Amino acid sequence: MPLKLITKTNEAQEDVIYRLEQALEMAKAGTMVGVGIAYVTNEGTIGTGFSRCENGGMLIGACSLLSHRVCVDE
């Protein structure tokens, strides 16, 4: 039976793909009407993006909640 070495980088990459696919399915189903994204590359650069939506205030609130969750590692 072959063994596979799973590193923290592999786990992080799999989680990134899972989260993006989950969001993409919601967008395709029409249940997601706005999105904000923040990312970090393996070269250490960062980026952000967002879609225009009817209720920008809710998107700002979601981004604030995300900031909190990242800080407490939830």
N, C-alpha and C. Protein backbone atom coordinates (compact mmCIF):
# COMPACT_ATOMS: atom_id res chain seq x y z
N MET A 1 0.85 -1.17 0.00
CA MET A 1 0.00 0.00 0.00
C MET A 1 0.90 1.24 0.00
N PRO A 2 0.76 2.13 -1.01
CA PRO A 2 1.60 3.33 -1.05
C PRO A 2 1.18 4.31 0.04
N LEU A 3 2.15 4.99 0.56
CA LEU A 3 1.91 6.00 1.58
C LEU A 3 1.93 7.38 0.95
N LYS A 4 1.16 8.29 1.50
CA LYS A 4 1.14 9.65 1.02
C LYS A 4 1.49 10.58 2.17
N LEU A 5 2.50 11.41 1.98
CA LEU A 5 2.88 12.38 2.99
C LEU A 5 1.95 13.58 2.86
N ILE A 6 1.27 13.89 3.95
CA ILE A 6 0.37 15.04 3.96
C ILE A 6 0.97 16.09 4.89
N THR A 7 1.30 17.23 4.31
CA THR A 7 1.89 18.33 5.09
C THR A 7 0.83 19.37 5.39
N LYS A 8 1.16 20.31 6.24
CA LYS A 8 0.23 21.40 6.53
C LYS A 8 -0.09 22.18 5.25
N THR A 9 0.89 22.30 4.35
CA THR A 9 0.65 22.98 3.08
C THR A 9 -0.39 22.23 2.27
N ASN A 10 -0.29 20.90 2.22
CA ASN A 10 -1.29 20.10 1.50
C ASN A 10 -2.67 20.28 2.12
N GLU A 11 -2.74 20.25 3.43
CA GLU A 11 -4.04 20.41 4.11
C GLU A 11 -4.62 21.79 3.81
N ALA A 12 -3.78 22.81 3.85
CA ALA A 12 -4.25 24.17 3.58
C ALA A 12 -4.76 24.28 2.15
N GLN A 13 -4.03 23.71 1.20
CA GLN A 13 -4.44 23.76 -0.21
C GLN A 13 -5.76 23.03 -0.41
N GLU A 14 -5.93 21.89 0.20
CA GLU A 14 -7.18 21.14 0.09
C GLU A 14 -8.34 21.94 0.69
N ASP A 15 -8.09 22.64 1.80
CA ASP A 15 -9.14 23.45 2.43
C ASP A 15 -9.50 24.63 1.54
N VAL A 16 -8.52 25.26 0.91
CA VAL A 16 -8.78 26.38 -0.01
C VAL A 16 -9.70 25.90 -1.14
N ILE A 17 -9.35 24.78 -1.74
CA ILE A 17 -10.14 24.24 -2.84
C ILE A 17 -11.56 23.90 -2.38
N TYR A 18 -11.67 23.27 -1.21
CA TYR A 18 -12.98 22.90 -0.68
C TYR A 18 -13.85 24.14 -0.47
N ARG A 19 -13.28 25.17 0.16
CA ARG A 19 -14.06 26.39 0.45
C ARG A 19 -14.50 27.09 -0.83
N LEU A 20 -13.59 27.17 -1.81
CA LEU A 20 -13.94 27.82 -3.06
C LEU A 20 -14.99 27.04 -3.84
N GLU A 21 -14.87 25.72 -3.86
CA GLU A 21 -15.87 24.90 -4.56
C GLU A 21 -17.23 25.02 -3.89
N GLN A 22 -17.24 25.06 -2.56
CA GLN A 22 -18.49 25.21 -1.81
C GLN A 22 -19.15 26.54 -2.18
N ALA A 23 -18.39 27.61 -2.21
CA ALA A 23 -18.92 28.93 -2.56
C ALA A 23 -19.38 28.96 -4.01
N LEU A 24 -18.63 28.33 -4.90
CA LEU A 24 -19.00 28.31 -6.31
C LEU A 24 -20.34 27.59 -6.51
N GLU A 25 -20.55 26.50 -5.81
CA GLU A 25 -21.82 25.79 -5.91
C GLU A 25 -22.97 26.67 -5.44
N MET A 26 -22.77 27.41 -4.35
CA MET A 26 -23.82 28.31 -3.87
C MET A 26 -24.10 29.40 -4.90
N ALA A 27 -23.04 29.94 -5.52
CA ALA A 27 -23.23 30.98 -6.53
C ALA A 27 -23.98 30.43 -7.74
N LYS A 28 -23.62 29.24 -8.18
CA LYS A 28 -24.30 28.62 -9.32
C LYS A 28 -25.77 28.35 -9.03
N ALA A 29 -26.07 28.01 -7.76
CA ALA A 29 -27.45 27.73 -7.36
C ALA A 29 -28.26 29.01 -7.18
N GLY A 30 -27.58 30.16 -7.16
CA GLY A 30 -28.27 31.43 -6.99
C GLY A 30 -28.54 31.79 -5.55
N THR A 31 -27.97 31.04 -4.60
CA THR A 31 -28.21 31.35 -3.19
C THR A 31 -27.21 32.37 -2.65
N MET A 32 -26.13 32.61 -3.36
CA MET A 32 -25.14 33.61 -2.95
C MET A 32 -25.27 34.80 -3.88
N VAL A 33 -25.48 35.98 -3.32
CA VAL A 33 -25.68 37.17 -4.15
C VAL A 33 -24.56 38.19 -4.03
N GLY A 34 -23.59 37.92 -3.19
CA GLY A 34 -22.44 38.81 -3.04
C GLY A 34 -21.29 38.03 -2.44
N VAL A 35 -20.07 38.44 -2.76
CA VAL A 35 -18.91 37.72 -2.24
C VAL A 35 -17.73 38.68 -2.07
N GLY A 36 -16.98 38.44 -1.02
CA GLY A 36 -15.70 39.12 -0.80
C GLY A 36 -14.64 38.05 -0.63
N ILE A 37 -13.45 38.31 -1.10
CA ILE A 37 -12.40 37.31 -0.99
C ILE A 37 -11.09 37.99 -0.58
N ALA A 38 -10.39 37.33 0.28
CA ALA A 38 -9.04 37.75 0.67
C ALA A 38 -8.16 36.52 0.54
N TYR A 39 -6.96 36.69 0.00
CA TYR A 39 -6.11 35.52 -0.18
C TYR A 39 -4.64 35.84 0.09
N VAL A 40 -3.91 34.78 0.38
CA VAL A 40 -2.47 34.85 0.60
C VAL A 40 -1.84 33.82 -0.33
N THR A 41 -0.80 34.20 -1.06
CA THR A 41 -0.12 33.26 -1.95
C THR A 41 1.06 32.62 -1.23
N ASN A 42 1.58 31.56 -1.81
CA ASN A 42 2.73 30.92 -1.17
C ASN A 42 4.00 31.75 -1.33
N GLU A 43 3.96 32.82 -2.14
CA GLU A 43 5.09 33.74 -2.22
C GLU A 43 4.99 34.85 -1.18
N GLY A 44 3.88 34.87 -0.42
CA GLY A 44 3.72 35.87 0.63
C GLY A 44 3.00 37.13 0.20
N THR A 45 2.45 37.15 -1.00
CA THR A 45 1.67 38.31 -1.41
C THR A 45 0.21 38.10 -1.01
N ILE A 46 -0.52 39.18 -0.92
CA ILE A 46 -1.92 39.13 -0.53
C ILE A 46 -2.77 39.81 -1.59
N GLY A 47 -4.05 39.51 -1.57
CA GLY A 47 -4.97 40.16 -2.49
C GLY A 47 -6.38 40.10 -1.96
N THR A 48 -7.21 40.95 -2.51
CA THR A 48 -8.62 40.99 -2.13
C THR A 48 -9.47 41.23 -3.38
N GLY A 49 -10.72 40.93 -3.26
CA GLY A 49 -11.67 41.22 -4.32
C GLY A 49 -13.08 41.10 -3.78
N PHE A 50 -14.02 41.69 -4.49
CA PHE A 50 -15.42 41.57 -4.07
C PHE A 50 -16.31 41.79 -5.27
N SER A 51 -17.53 41.29 -5.14
CA SER A 51 -18.53 41.52 -6.18
C SER A 51 -19.47 42.62 -5.71
N ARG A 52 -20.00 43.32 -6.65
CA ARG A 52 -21.03 44.30 -6.33
C ARG A 52 -22.30 43.54 -5.95
N CYS A 53 -22.99 44.02 -4.93
CA CYS A 53 -24.25 43.38 -4.55
C CYS A 53 -25.21 44.44 -4.05
N GLU A 54 -26.48 44.11 -3.99
CA GLU A 54 -27.50 45.07 -3.59
C GLU A 54 -27.33 45.53 -2.15
N ASN A 55 -26.87 44.64 -1.28
CA ASN A 55 -26.74 45.00 0.12
C ASN A 55 -25.26 44.94 0.54
N GLY A 56 -24.53 45.96 0.16
CA GLY A 56 -23.11 46.04 0.49
C GLY A 56 -22.85 46.03 1.98
N GLY A 57 -23.79 46.57 2.76
CA GLY A 57 -23.64 46.59 4.22
C GLY A 57 -23.55 45.19 4.80
N MET A 58 -24.33 44.27 4.26
CA MET A 58 -24.27 42.89 4.75
C MET A 58 -22.94 42.25 4.39
N LEU A 59 -22.41 42.58 3.21
CA LEU A 59 -21.10 42.05 2.82
C LEU A 59 -20.01 42.59 3.73
N ILE A 60 -20.09 43.86 4.10
CA ILE A 60 -19.14 44.43 5.05
C ILE A 60 -19.25 43.71 6.40
N GLY A 61 -20.46 43.44 6.84
CA GLY A 61 -20.66 42.70 8.09
C GLY A 61 -20.07 41.30 8.01
N ALA A 62 -20.24 40.64 6.88
CA ALA A 62 -19.68 39.29 6.71
C ALA A 62 -18.16 39.35 6.75
N CYS A 63 -17.57 40.38 6.15
CA CYS A 63 -16.11 40.53 6.18
C CYS A 63 -15.61 40.80 7.60
N SER A 64 -16.37 41.56 8.37
CA SER A 64 -16.00 41.80 9.77
C SER A 64 -16.06 40.51 10.57
N LEU A 65 -17.08 39.72 10.36
CA LEU A 65 -17.19 38.43 11.04
C LEU A 65 -16.02 37.53 10.64
N LEU A 66 -15.66 37.54 9.37
CA LEU A 66 -14.52 36.75 8.91
C LEU A 66 -13.24 37.20 9.62
N SER A 67 -13.03 38.50 9.76
CA SER A 67 -11.84 39.01 10.48
C SER A 67 -11.80 38.46 11.90
N HIS A 68 -12.93 38.48 12.57
CA HIS A 68 -13.01 37.95 13.93
C HIS A 68 -12.67 36.46 13.96
N ARG A 69 -13.26 35.70 13.04
CA ARG A 69 -13.03 34.25 13.02
C ARG A 69 -11.57 33.92 12.74
N VAL A 70 -10.93 34.67 11.86
CA VAL A 70 -9.51 34.44 11.59
C VAL A 70 -8.67 34.75 12.84
N CYS A 71 -9.01 35.83 13.54
CA CYS A 71 -8.26 36.23 14.75
C CYS A 71 -8.37 35.19 15.87
N VAL A 72 -9.54 34.59 16.02
CA VAL A 72 -9.71 33.61 17.10
C VAL A 72 -9.48 32.19 16.61
N ASP A 73 -9.12 32.04 15.32
CA ASP A 73 -8.83 30.75 14.70
C ASP A 73 -9.99 29.79 14.85
N GLU A 74 -11.17 30.28 14.51
CA GLU A 74 -12.42 29.51 14.64
C GLU A 74 -12.68 28.68 13.43
